[in-house]
Amino acid sequence: ADPAEGTIVSNSVVTFPPAAWNVPHTTQVAAVDDLADDDGETWTITHAVTAGGGEITGYAGVAVSDVVIENVDNDDALIVISLPSGTDSDENGGNFPIRLKLATIPTADVTITATVAASVNPTRTEASASAAVTFTSATWVTDQDITITGLDDDIADGDTAFVVNLAVTGDPTYAALQATLTGIACTNLEDADAVGV
Protein backbone atom coordinates (compact mmCIF):
# COMPACT_ATOMS: atom_id res chain seq x y z
CA ALA A 1 0.00 0.00 0.00
CA ASP A 2 1.18 3.48 -0.87
CA PRO A 3 -0.37 6.40 1.04
CA ALA A 4 0.81 8.79 -1.68
CA GLU A 5 -1.69 7.20 -4.09
CA GLY A 6 -4.64 9.13 -2.65
CA THR A 7 -5.79 12.11 -0.67
CA ILE A 8 -8.79 13.24 1.37
CA VAL A 9 -10.42 16.08 -0.51
CA SER A 10 -13.04 17.15 2.01
CA ASN A 11 -14.45 16.34 5.44
CA SER A 12 -11.55 14.48 6.99
CA VAL A 13 -13.36 15.01 10.30
CA VAL A 14 -17.12 14.47 10.66
CA THR A 15 -19.19 15.07 13.79
CA PHE A 16 -22.42 13.35 14.80
CA PRO A 17 -24.36 15.39 17.38
CA PRO A 18 -26.89 13.56 19.61
CA ALA A 19 -29.84 15.16 17.84
CA ALA A 20 -28.67 14.02 14.40
CA TRP A 21 -26.76 10.86 15.21
CA ASN A 22 -28.32 8.96 12.28
CA VAL A 23 -27.68 11.55 9.57
CA PRO A 24 -25.02 10.30 7.11
CA HIS A 25 -21.86 12.33 6.51
CA THR A 26 -19.68 12.08 3.41
CA THR A 27 -15.90 12.21 3.21
CA GLN A 28 -14.63 12.75 -0.31
CA VAL A 29 -11.37 11.15 -1.43
CA ALA A 30 -9.46 11.27 -4.70
CA ALA A 31 -6.73 9.32 -6.42
CA VAL A 32 -3.35 10.94 -7.07
CA ASP A 33 -1.67 10.40 -10.43
CA ASP A 34 1.93 9.49 -9.62
CA LEU A 35 3.09 9.42 -13.29
CA ALA A 36 4.72 6.04 -12.68
CA ASP A 37 4.01 2.76 -14.43
CA ASP A 38 3.30 0.86 -11.22
CA ASP A 39 0.40 -1.38 -12.34
CA GLY A 40 -1.90 0.24 -9.80
CA GLU A 41 -1.52 0.55 -6.05
CA THR A 42 -3.78 0.34 -3.02
CA TRP A 43 -4.13 2.88 -0.27
CA THR A 44 -6.05 2.73 2.97
CA ILE A 45 -8.29 5.11 4.89
CA THR A 46 -8.21 4.51 8.63
CA HIS A 47 -10.48 5.98 11.29
CA ALA A 48 -10.21 7.19 14.85
CA VAL A 49 -13.30 7.83 16.97
CA THR A 50 -13.47 10.32 19.84
CA ALA A 51 -16.51 11.29 21.89
CA GLY A 52 -17.61 14.11 24.11
CA GLY A 53 -19.10 13.83 27.58
CA GLY A 54 -22.48 12.65 28.73
CA GLU A 55 -24.18 9.61 27.32
CA ILE A 56 -22.02 9.30 24.20
CA THR A 57 -18.70 8.61 25.87
CA GLY A 58 -19.19 4.94 25.02
CA TYR A 59 -18.33 5.68 21.41
CA ALA A 60 -14.78 6.74 22.23
CA GLY A 61 -12.35 4.27 20.71
CA VAL A 62 -15.00 2.29 18.84
CA ALA A 63 -13.39 0.36 16.00
CA VAL A 64 -14.29 1.38 12.47
CA SER A 65 -13.22 -0.82 9.57
CA ASP A 66 -10.49 0.45 7.28
CA VAL A 67 -11.42 1.30 3.70
CA VAL A 68 -8.95 -0.08 1.16
CA ILE A 69 -8.97 1.71 -2.19
CA GLU A 70 -7.28 0.52 -5.37
CA ASN A 71 -5.98 2.99 -7.92
CA VAL A 72 -6.14 1.81 -11.52
CA ASP A 73 -2.86 2.79 -13.16
CA ASN A 74 -3.06 5.02 -16.25
CA ASP A 75 0.67 5.33 -16.95
CA ASP A 76 2.66 3.20 -19.38
CA ALA A 77 6.45 3.11 -19.51
CA LEU A 78 7.67 4.30 -22.89
CA ILE A 79 10.92 5.61 -24.32
CA VAL A 80 10.11 8.68 -26.40
CA ILE A 81 12.47 8.85 -29.38
CA SER A 82 12.61 11.73 -31.80
CA LEU A 83 14.93 12.57 -34.70
CA PRO A 84 14.67 16.35 -35.08
CA SER A 85 17.21 16.60 -37.90
CA GLY A 86 16.77 13.26 -39.63
CA THR A 87 19.15 10.31 -39.70
CA ASP A 88 21.90 11.42 -42.08
CA SER A 89 25.50 11.89 -41.01
CA ASP A 90 28.33 12.60 -43.42
CA GLU A 91 32.00 11.77 -43.86
CA ASN A 92 33.00 15.37 -43.09
CA GLY A 93 31.91 14.88 -39.48
CA GLY A 94 28.28 15.83 -39.96
CA ASN A 95 26.08 14.57 -37.19
CA PHE A 96 22.51 14.28 -35.95
CA PRO A 97 20.93 13.80 -32.51
CA ILE A 98 18.80 10.94 -31.28
CA ARG A 99 16.59 12.78 -28.77
CA LEU A 100 15.33 10.73 -25.84
CA LYS A 101 13.12 11.07 -22.78
CA LEU A 102 10.86 8.82 -20.70
CA ALA A 103 7.06 8.82 -20.59
CA THR A 104 6.80 7.93 -16.89
CA ILE A 105 8.80 8.37 -13.69
CA PRO A 106 11.21 5.42 -13.32
CA THR A 107 11.58 3.55 -10.05
CA ALA A 108 15.36 3.41 -10.62
CA ASP A 109 17.78 5.17 -12.94
CA VAL A 110 17.44 4.32 -16.64
CA THR A 111 20.56 4.33 -18.84
CA ILE A 112 20.31 4.27 -22.62
CA THR A 113 23.36 3.47 -24.73
CA ALA A 114 23.63 3.76 -28.52
CA THR A 115 25.87 1.52 -30.61
CA VAL A 116 26.58 1.78 -34.31
CA ALA A 117 26.10 -1.58 -35.99
CA ALA A 118 28.14 -2.74 -38.96
CA SER A 119 27.16 -1.15 -42.25
CA VAL A 120 26.71 -2.90 -45.55
CA ASN A 121 30.50 -3.16 -45.53
CA PRO A 122 31.27 -5.08 -42.31
CA THR A 123 34.93 -4.05 -42.34
CA ARG A 124 34.21 -0.35 -41.84
CA THR A 125 32.43 1.69 -39.17
CA GLU A 126 30.42 4.52 -40.66
CA ALA A 127 29.74 6.58 -37.53
CA SER A 128 30.34 6.97 -33.80
CA ALA A 129 27.88 7.51 -30.95
CA SER A 130 28.33 9.89 -28.02
CA ALA A 131 28.17 8.73 -24.41
CA ALA A 132 25.18 7.01 -22.85
CA VAL A 133 22.49 9.12 -21.19
CA THR A 134 20.90 8.42 -17.80
CA PHE A 135 17.42 9.39 -16.66
CA THR A 136 16.49 9.68 -12.98
CA SER A 137 13.23 10.29 -11.15
CA ALA A 138 14.08 14.00 -11.39
CA THR A 139 15.18 14.16 -15.05
CA TRP A 140 12.94 11.57 -16.72
CA VAL A 141 10.91 14.14 -18.67
CA THR A 142 13.89 16.22 -19.84
CA ASP A 143 15.15 15.65 -23.39
CA GLN A 144 18.66 14.22 -23.66
CA ASP A 145 20.56 13.70 -26.90
CA ILE A 146 22.90 10.99 -28.12
CA THR A 147 24.84 12.39 -31.06
CA ILE A 148 25.70 10.22 -34.07
CA THR A 149 28.73 11.54 -35.98
CA GLY A 150 29.81 10.40 -39.42
CA LEU A 151 33.31 8.99 -39.95
CA ASP A 152 35.46 9.36 -43.06
CA ASP A 153 36.75 6.08 -44.49
CA ASP A 154 38.76 7.74 -47.31
CA ILE A 155 37.08 5.41 -49.78
CA ALA A 156 34.83 6.45 -52.62
CA ASP A 157 32.03 4.10 -51.65
CA GLY A 158 29.04 6.41 -51.99
CA ASP A 159 26.39 7.04 -49.37
CA THR A 160 26.39 4.11 -46.97
CA ALA A 161 23.55 2.79 -44.82
CA PHE A 162 24.11 1.79 -41.21
CA VAL A 163 22.01 1.05 -38.14
CA VAL A 164 22.04 2.50 -34.62
CA ASN A 165 20.83 0.21 -31.84
CA LEU A 166 19.72 1.37 -28.39
CA ALA A 167 20.33 -0.63 -25.20
CA VAL A 168 18.34 0.05 -22.03
CA THR A 169 19.45 -0.85 -18.51
CA GLY A 170 18.38 -0.01 -14.97
CA ASP A 171 14.73 0.23 -13.97
CA PRO A 172 13.29 -3.26 -14.70
CA THR A 173 10.13 -1.94 -16.36
CA TYR A 174 12.15 0.16 -18.77
CA ALA A 175 14.83 -2.49 -19.28
CA ALA A 176 12.07 -4.84 -20.41
CA LEU A 177 11.33 -2.44 -23.29
CA GLN A 178 14.67 -3.46 -24.84
CA ALA A 179 12.90 -6.28 -26.65
CA THR A 180 10.50 -3.84 -28.33
CA LEU A 181 13.14 -1.48 -29.74
CA THR A 182 14.17 -1.73 -33.38
CA GLY A 183 17.35 -0.39 -34.91
CA ILE A 184 17.33 3.15 -36.31
CA ALA A 185 18.17 3.13 -40.02
CA CYS A 186 20.73 5.83 -40.89
CA THR A 187 22.91 6.95 -43.79
CA ASN A 188 26.48 8.25 -43.82
CA LEU A 189 26.77 10.58 -46.82
CA GLU A 190 29.86 10.40 -49.01
CA ASP A 191 32.37 13.27 -48.97
CA ALA A 192 34.64 14.31 -51.84
CA ASP A 193 36.56 11.01 -52.04
CA ALA A 194 37.10 10.01 -55.65
CA VAL A 195 38.68 7.09 -57.41
CA GLY A 196 42.04 8.10 -58.93
CA VAL A 197 45.76 7.49 -59.13
C-alpha atoms as a PDB file:
ATOM      1  CA  ALA A   1       0.000   0.000   0.000  1.00  0.00           C
ATOM      2  CA  ASP A   2       1.181   3.477  -0.866  1.00  0.00           C
ATOM      3  CA  PRO A   3      -0.369   6.404   1.040  1.00  0.00           C
ATOM      4  CA  ALA A   4       0.808   8.788  -1.683  1.00  0.00           C
ATOM      5  CA  GLU A   5      -1.687   7.197  -4.092  1.00  0.00           C
ATOM      6  CA  GLY A   6      -4.640   9.125  -2.648  1.00  0.00           C
ATOM      7  CA  THR A   7      -5.792  12.105  -0.672  1.00  0.00           C
ATOM      8  CA  ILE A   8      -8.789  13.236   1.373  1.00  0.00           C
ATOM      9  CA  VAL A   9     -10.416  16.080  -0.511  1.00  0.00           C
ATOM     10  CA  SER A  10     -13.042  17.151   2.008  1.00  0.00           C
ATOM     11  CA  ASN A  11     -14.447  16.342   5.440  1.00  0.00           C
ATOM     12  CA  SER A  12     -11.553  14.481   6.986  1.00  0.00           C
ATOM     13  CA  VAL A  13     -13.364  15.005  10.299  1.00  0.00           C
ATOM     14  CA  VAL A  14     -17.118  14.467  10.660  1.00  0.00           C
ATOM     15  CA  THR A  15     -19.189  15.074  13.787  1.00  0.00           C
ATOM     16  CA  PHE A  16     -22.423  13.353  14.800  1.00  0.00           C
ATOM     17  CA  PRO A  17     -24.356  15.391  17.385  1.00  0.00           C
ATOM     18  CA  PRO A  18     -26.888  13.561  19.611  1.00  0.00           C
ATOM     19  CA  ALA A  19     -29.840  15.162  17.844  1.00  0.00           C
ATOM     20  CA  ALA A  20     -28.666  14.018  14.402  1.00  0.00           C
ATOM     21  CA  TRP A  21     -26.757  10.864  15.206  1.00  0.00           C
ATOM     22  CA  ASN A  22     -28.319   8.958  12.284  1.00  0.00           C
ATOM     23  CA  VAL A  23     -27.684  11.552   9.570  1.00  0.00           C
ATOM     24  CA  PRO A  24     -25.020  10.299   7.109  1.00  0.00           C
ATOM     25  CA  HIS A  25     -21.859  12.327   6.512  1.00  0.00           C
ATOM     26  CA  THR A  26     -19.678  12.085   3.412  1.00  0.00           C
ATOM     27  CA  THR A  27     -15.904  12.207   3.213  1.00  0.00           C
ATOM     28  CA  GLN A  28     -14.626  12.745  -0.313  1.00  0.00           C
ATOM     29  CA  VAL A  29     -11.366  11.152  -1.430  1.00  0.00           C
ATOM     30  CA  ALA A  30      -9.462  11.271  -4.700  1.00  0.00           C
ATOM     31  CA  ALA A  31      -6.735   9.319  -6.421  1.00  0.00           C
ATOM     32  CA  VAL A  32      -3.352  10.944  -7.069  1.00  0.00           C
ATOM     33  CA  ASP A  33      -1.674  10.401 -10.434  1.00  0.00           C
ATOM     34  CA  ASP A  34       1.926   9.490  -9.617  1.00  0.00           C
ATOM     35  CA  LEU A  35       3.091   9.424 -13.290  1.00  0.00           C
ATOM     36  CA  ALA A  36       4.720   6.037 -12.676  1.00  0.00           C
ATOM     37  CA  ASP A  37       4.006   2.760 -14.434  1.00  0.00           C
ATOM     38  CA  ASP A  38       3.296   0.860 -11.217  1.00  0.00           C
ATOM     39  CA  ASP A  39       0.400  -1.381 -12.345  1.00  0.00           C
ATOM     40  CA  GLY A  40      -1.902   0.242  -9.797  1.00  0.00           C
ATOM     41  CA  GLU A  41      -1.522   0.549  -6.054  1.00  0.00           C
ATOM     42  CA  THR A  42      -3.785   0.338  -3.024  1.00  0.00           C
ATOM     43  CA  TRP A  43      -4.133   2.883  -0.266  1.00  0.00           C
ATOM     44  CA  THR A  44      -6.048   2.729   2.972  1.00  0.00           C
ATOM     45  CA  ILE A  45      -8.287   5.110   4.893  1.00  0.00           C
ATOM     46  CA  THR A  46      -8.209   4.507   8.630  1.00  0.00           C
ATOM     47  CA  HIS A  47     -10.478   5.979  11.288  1.00  0.00           C
ATOM     48  CA  ALA A  48     -10.210   7.186  14.853  1.00  0.00           C
ATOM     49  CA  VAL A  49     -13.300   7.835  16.968  1.00  0.00           C
ATOM     50  CA  THR A  50     -13.468  10.323  19.837  1.00  0.00           C
ATOM     51  CA  ALA A  51     -16.507  11.291  21.890  1.00  0.00           C
ATOM     52  CA  GLY A  52     -17.613  14.114  24.109  1.00  0.00           C
ATOM     53  CA  GLY A  53     -19.101  13.826  27.578  1.00  0.00           C
ATOM     54  CA  GLY A  54     -22.478  12.653  28.735  1.00  0.00           C
ATOM     55  CA  GLU A  55     -24.184   9.612  27.320  1.00  0.00           C
ATOM     56  CA  ILE A  56     -22.021   9.305  24.202  1.00  0.00           C
ATOM     57  CA  THR A  57     -18.699   8.610  25.875  1.00  0.00           C
ATOM     58  CA  GLY A  58     -19.189   4.938  25.019  1.00  0.00           C
ATOM     59  CA  TYR A  59     -18.326   5.679  21.413  1.00  0.00           C
ATOM     60  CA  ALA A  60     -14.780   6.744  22.228  1.00  0.00           C
ATOM     61  CA  GLY A  61     -12.351   4.271  20.709  1.00  0.00           C
ATOM     62  CA  VAL A  62     -15.003   2.294  18.841  1.00  0.00           C
ATOM     63  CA  ALA A  63     -13.386   0.363  16.001  1.00  0.00           C
ATOM     64  CA  VAL A  64     -14.295   1.384  12.466  1.00  0.00           C
ATOM     65  CA  SER A  65     -13.222  -0.819   9.569  1.00  0.00           C
ATOM     66  CA  ASP A  66     -10.489   0.452   7.280  1.00  0.00           C
ATOM     67  CA  VAL A  67     -11.419   1.298   3.705  1.00  0.00           C
ATOM     68  CA  VAL A  68      -8.948  -0.080   1.157  1.00  0.00           C
ATOM     69  CA  ILE A  69      -8.974   1.712  -2.191  1.00  0.00           C
ATOM     70  CA  GLU A  70      -7.276   0.518  -5.366  1.00  0.00           C
ATOM     71  CA  ASN A  71      -5.981   2.988  -7.924  1.00  0.00           C
ATOM     72  CA  VAL A  72      -6.140   1.812 -11.519  1.00  0.00           C
ATOM     73  CA  ASP A  73      -2.864   2.795 -13.161  1.00  0.00           C
ATOM     74  CA  ASN A  74      -3.060   5.020 -16.250  1.00  0.00           C
ATOM     75  CA  ASP A  75       0.666   5.334 -16.946  1.00  0.00           C
ATOM     76  CA  ASP A  76       2.663   3.201 -19.382  1.00  0.00           C
ATOM     77  CA  ALA A  77       6.452   3.111 -19.512  1.00  0.00           C
ATOM     78  CA  LEU A  78       7.669   4.303 -22.886  1.00  0.00           C
ATOM     79  CA  ILE A  79      10.924   5.606 -24.324  1.00  0.00           C
ATOM     80  CA  VAL A  80      10.110   8.676 -26.403  1.00  0.00           C
ATOM     81  CA  ILE A  81      12.470   8.845 -29.383  1.00  0.00           C
ATOM     82  CA  SER A  82      12.610  11.733 -31.805  1.00  0.00           C
ATOM     83  CA  LEU A  83      14.926  12.570 -34.695  1.00  0.00           C
ATOM     84  CA  PRO A  84      14.674  16.353 -35.076  1.00  0.00           C
ATOM     85  CA  SER A  85      17.208  16.604 -37.904  1.00  0.00           C
ATOM     86  CA  GLY A  86      16.772  13.264 -39.634  1.00  0.00           C
ATOM     87  CA  THR A  87      19.151  10.311 -39.701  1.00  0.00           C
ATOM     88  CA  ASP A  88      21.899  11.418 -42.079  1.00  0.00           C
ATOM     89  CA  SER A  89      25.504  11.891 -41.013  1.00  0.00           C
ATOM     90  CA  ASP A  90      28.331  12.598 -43.420  1.00  0.00           C
ATOM     91  CA  GLU A  91      32.000  11.771 -43.856  1.00  0.00           C
ATOM     92  CA  ASN A  92      32.996  15.368 -43.088  1.00  0.00           C
ATOM     93  CA  GLY A  93      31.909  14.878 -39.475  1.00  0.00           C
ATOM     94  CA  GLY A  94      28.282  15.827 -39.965  1.00  0.00           C
ATOM     95  CA  ASN A  95      26.077  14.569 -37.190  1.00  0.00           C
ATOM     96  CA  PHE A  96      22.510  14.284 -35.952  1.00  0.00           C
ATOM     97  CA  PRO A  97      20.933  13.800 -32.510  1.00  0.00           C
ATOM     98  CA  ILE A  98      18.798  10.940 -31.280  1.00  0.00           C
ATOM     99  CA  ARG A  99      16.592  12.777 -28.771  1.00  0.00           C
ATOM    100  CA  LEU A 100      15.330  10.730 -25.842  1.00  0.00           C
ATOM    101  CA  LYS A 101      13.116  11.068 -22.777  1.00  0.00           C
ATOM    102  CA  LEU A 102      10.859   8.820 -20.702  1.00  0.00           C
ATOM    103  CA  ALA A 103       7.059   8.822 -20.594  1.00  0.00           C
ATOM    104  CA  THR A 104       6.800   7.928 -16.889  1.00  0.00           C
ATOM    105  CA  ILE A 105       8.797   8.365 -13.691  1.00  0.00           C
ATOM    106  CA  PRO A 106      11.206   5.425 -13.323  1.00  0.00           C
ATOM    107  CA  THR A 107      11.579   3.545 -10.051  1.00  0.00           C
ATOM    108  CA  ALA A 108      15.357   3.407 -10.622  1.00  0.00           C
ATOM    109  CA  ASP A 109      17.780   5.171 -12.944  1.00  0.00           C
ATOM    110  CA  VAL A 110      17.442   4.318 -16.637  1.00  0.00           C
ATOM    111  CA  THR A 111      20.556   4.326 -18.835  1.00  0.00           C
ATOM    112  CA  ILE A 112      20.308   4.269 -22.617  1.00  0.00           C
ATOM    113  CA  THR A 113      23.361   3.470 -24.733  1.00  0.00           C
ATOM    114  CA  ALA A 114      23.625   3.763 -28.523  1.00  0.00           C
ATOM    115  CA  THR A 115      25.872   1.525 -30.606  1.00  0.00           C
ATOM    116  CA  VAL A 116      26.577   1.780 -34.308  1.00  0.00           C
ATOM    117  CA  ALA A 117      26.101  -1.577 -35.992  1.00  0.00           C
ATOM    118  CA  ALA A 118      28.138  -2.735 -38.963  1.00  0.00           C
ATOM    119  CA  SER A 119      27.165  -1.149 -42.252  1.00  0.00           C
ATOM    120  CA  VAL A 120      26.709  -2.902 -45.554  1.00  0.00           C
ATOM    121  CA  ASN A 121      30.501  -3.163 -45.527  1.00  0.00           C
ATOM    122  CA  PRO A 122      31.273  -5.077 -42.305  1.00  0.00           C
ATOM    123  CA  THR A 123      34.935  -4.054 -42.342  1.00  0.00           C
ATOM    124  CA  ARG A 124      34.205  -0.350 -41.836  1.00  0.00           C
ATOM    125  CA  THR A 125      32.434   1.686 -39.169  1.00  0.00           C
ATOM    126  CA  GLU A 126      30.420   4.520 -40.658  1.00  0.00           C
ATOM    127  CA  ALA A 127      29.744   6.585 -37.527  1.00  0.00           C
ATOM    128  CA  SER A 128      30.335   6.972 -33.802  1.00  0.00           C
ATOM    129  CA  ALA A 129      27.883   7.511 -30.945  1.00  0.00           C
ATOM    130  CA  SER A 130      28.327   9.889 -28.021  1.00  0.00           C
ATOM    131  CA  ALA A 131      28.173   8.734 -24.405  1.00  0.00           C
ATOM    132  CA  ALA A 132      25.177   7.014 -22.852  1.00  0.00           C
ATOM    133  CA  VAL A 133      22.487   9.116 -21.187  1.00  0.00           C
ATOM    134  CA  THR A 134      20.897   8.422 -17.803  1.00  0.00           C
ATOM    135  CA  PHE A 135      17.416   9.394 -16.661  1.00  0.00           C
ATOM    136  CA  THR A 136      16.489   9.685 -12.977  1.00  0.00           C
ATOM    137  CA  SER A 137      13.232  10.291 -11.149  1.00  0.00           C
ATOM    138  CA  ALA A 138      14.083  14.005 -11.388  1.00  0.00           C
ATOM    139  CA  THR A 139      15.179  14.158 -15.051  1.00  0.00           C
ATOM    140  CA  TRP A 140      12.942  11.570 -16.721  1.00  0.00           C
ATOM    141  CA  VAL A 141      10.907  14.138 -18.665  1.00  0.00           C
ATOM    142  CA  THR A 142      13.887  16.222 -19.840  1.00  0.00           C
ATOM    143  CA  ASP A 143      15.152  15.654 -23.385  1.00  0.00           C
ATOM    144  CA  GLN A 144      18.658  14.224 -23.661  1.00  0.00           C
ATOM    145  CA  ASP A 145      20.565  13.699 -26.903  1.00  0.00           C
ATOM    146  CA  ILE A 146      22.897  10.994 -28.122  1.00  0.00           C
ATOM    147  CA  THR A 147      24.842  12.393 -31.064  1.00  0.00           C
ATOM    148  CA  ILE A 148      25.704  10.220 -34.067  1.00  0.00           C
ATOM    149  CA  THR A 149      28.732  11.541 -35.982  1.00  0.00           C
ATOM    150  CA  GLY A 150      29.814  10.399 -39.416  1.00  0.00           C
ATOM    151  CA  LEU A 151      33.313   8.990 -39.950  1.00  0.00           C
ATOM    152  CA  ASP A 152      35.459   9.361 -43.064  1.00  0.00           C
ATOM    153  CA  ASP A 153      36.748   6.080 -44.490  1.00  0.00           C
ATOM    154  CA  ASP A 154      38.764   7.742 -47.307  1.00  0.00           C
ATOM    155  CA  ILE A 155      37.081   5.410 -49.777  1.00  0.00           C
ATOM    156  CA  ALA A 156      34.826   6.449 -52.625  1.00  0.00           C
ATOM    157  CA  ASP A 157      32.028   4.098 -51.649  1.00  0.00           C
ATOM    158  CA  GLY A 158      29.035   6.414 -51.990  1.00  0.00           C
ATOM    159  CA  ASP A 159      26.386   7.039 -49.367  1.00  0.00           C
ATOM    160  CA  THR A 160      26.395   4.109 -46.966  1.00  0.00           C
ATOM    161  CA  ALA A 161      23.555   2.789 -44.818  1.00  0.00           C
ATOM    162  CA  PHE A 162      24.113   1.791 -41.212  1.00  0.00           C
ATOM    163  CA  VAL A 163      22.007   1.053 -38.137  1.00  0.00           C
ATOM    164  CA  VAL A 164      22.041   2.497 -34.620  1.00  0.00           C
ATOM    165  CA  ASN A 165      20.832   0.207 -31.838  1.00  0.00           C
ATOM    166  CA  LEU A 166      19.716   1.373 -28.394  1.00  0.00           C
ATOM    167  CA  ALA A 167      20.335  -0.630 -25.203  1.00  0.00           C
ATOM    168  CA  VAL A 168      18.341   0.054 -22.029  1.00  0.00           C
ATOM    169  CA  THR A 169      19.454  -0.851 -18.506  1.00  0.00           C
ATOM    170  CA  GLY A 170      18.385  -0.012 -14.972  1.00  0.00           C
ATOM    171  CA  ASP A 171      14.730   0.230 -13.972  1.00  0.00           C
ATOM    172  CA  PRO A 172      13.288  -3.265 -14.698  1.00  0.00           C
ATOM    173  CA  THR A 173      10.133  -1.942 -16.355  1.00  0.00           C
ATOM    174  CA  TYR A 174      12.154   0.157 -18.773  1.00  0.00           C
ATOM    175  CA  ALA A 175      14.834  -2.487 -19.278  1.00  0.00           C
ATOM    176  CA  ALA A 176      12.068  -4.839 -20.411  1.00  0.00           C
ATOM    177  CA  LEU A 177      11.332  -2.442 -23.286  1.00  0.00           C
ATOM    178  CA  GLN A 178      14.665  -3.459 -24.838  1.00  0.00           C
ATOM    179  CA  ALA A 179      12.902  -6.276 -26.645  1.00  0.00           C
ATOM    180  CA  THR A 180      10.503  -3.838 -28.330  1.00  0.00           C
ATOM    181  CA  LEU A 181      13.142  -1.478 -29.743  1.00  0.00           C
ATOM    182  CA  THR A 182      14.172  -1.727 -33.379  1.00  0.00           C
ATOM    183  CA  GLY A 183      17.346  -0.385 -34.910  1.00  0.00           C
ATOM    184  CA  ILE A 184      17.328   3.151 -36.312  1.00  0.00           C
ATOM    185  CA  ALA A 185      18.166   3.127 -40.023  1.00  0.00           C
ATOM    186  CA  CYS A 186      20.734   5.832 -40.888  1.00  0.00           C
ATOM    187  CA  THR A 187      22.914   6.947 -43.790  1.00  0.00           C
ATOM    188  CA  ASN A 188      26.480   8.249 -43.817  1.00  0.00           C
ATOM    189  CA  LEU A 189      26.773  10.577 -46.821  1.00  0.00           C
ATOM    190  CA  GLU A 190      29.859  10.396 -49.008  1.00  0.00           C
ATOM    191  CA  ASP A 191      32.369  13.274 -48.973  1.00  0.00           C
ATOM    192  CA  ALA A 192      34.644  14.315 -51.838  1.00  0.00           C
ATOM    193  CA  ASP A 193      36.563  11.012 -52.035  1.00  0.00           C
ATOM    194  CA  ALA A 194      37.101  10.009 -55.653  1.00  0.00           C
ATOM    195  CA  VAL A 195      38.683   7.090 -57.411  1.00  0.00           C
ATOM    196  CA  GLY A 196      42.040   8.097 -58.928  1.00  0.00           C
ATOM    197  CA  VAL A 197      45.763   7.490 -59.128  1.00  0.00           C
END
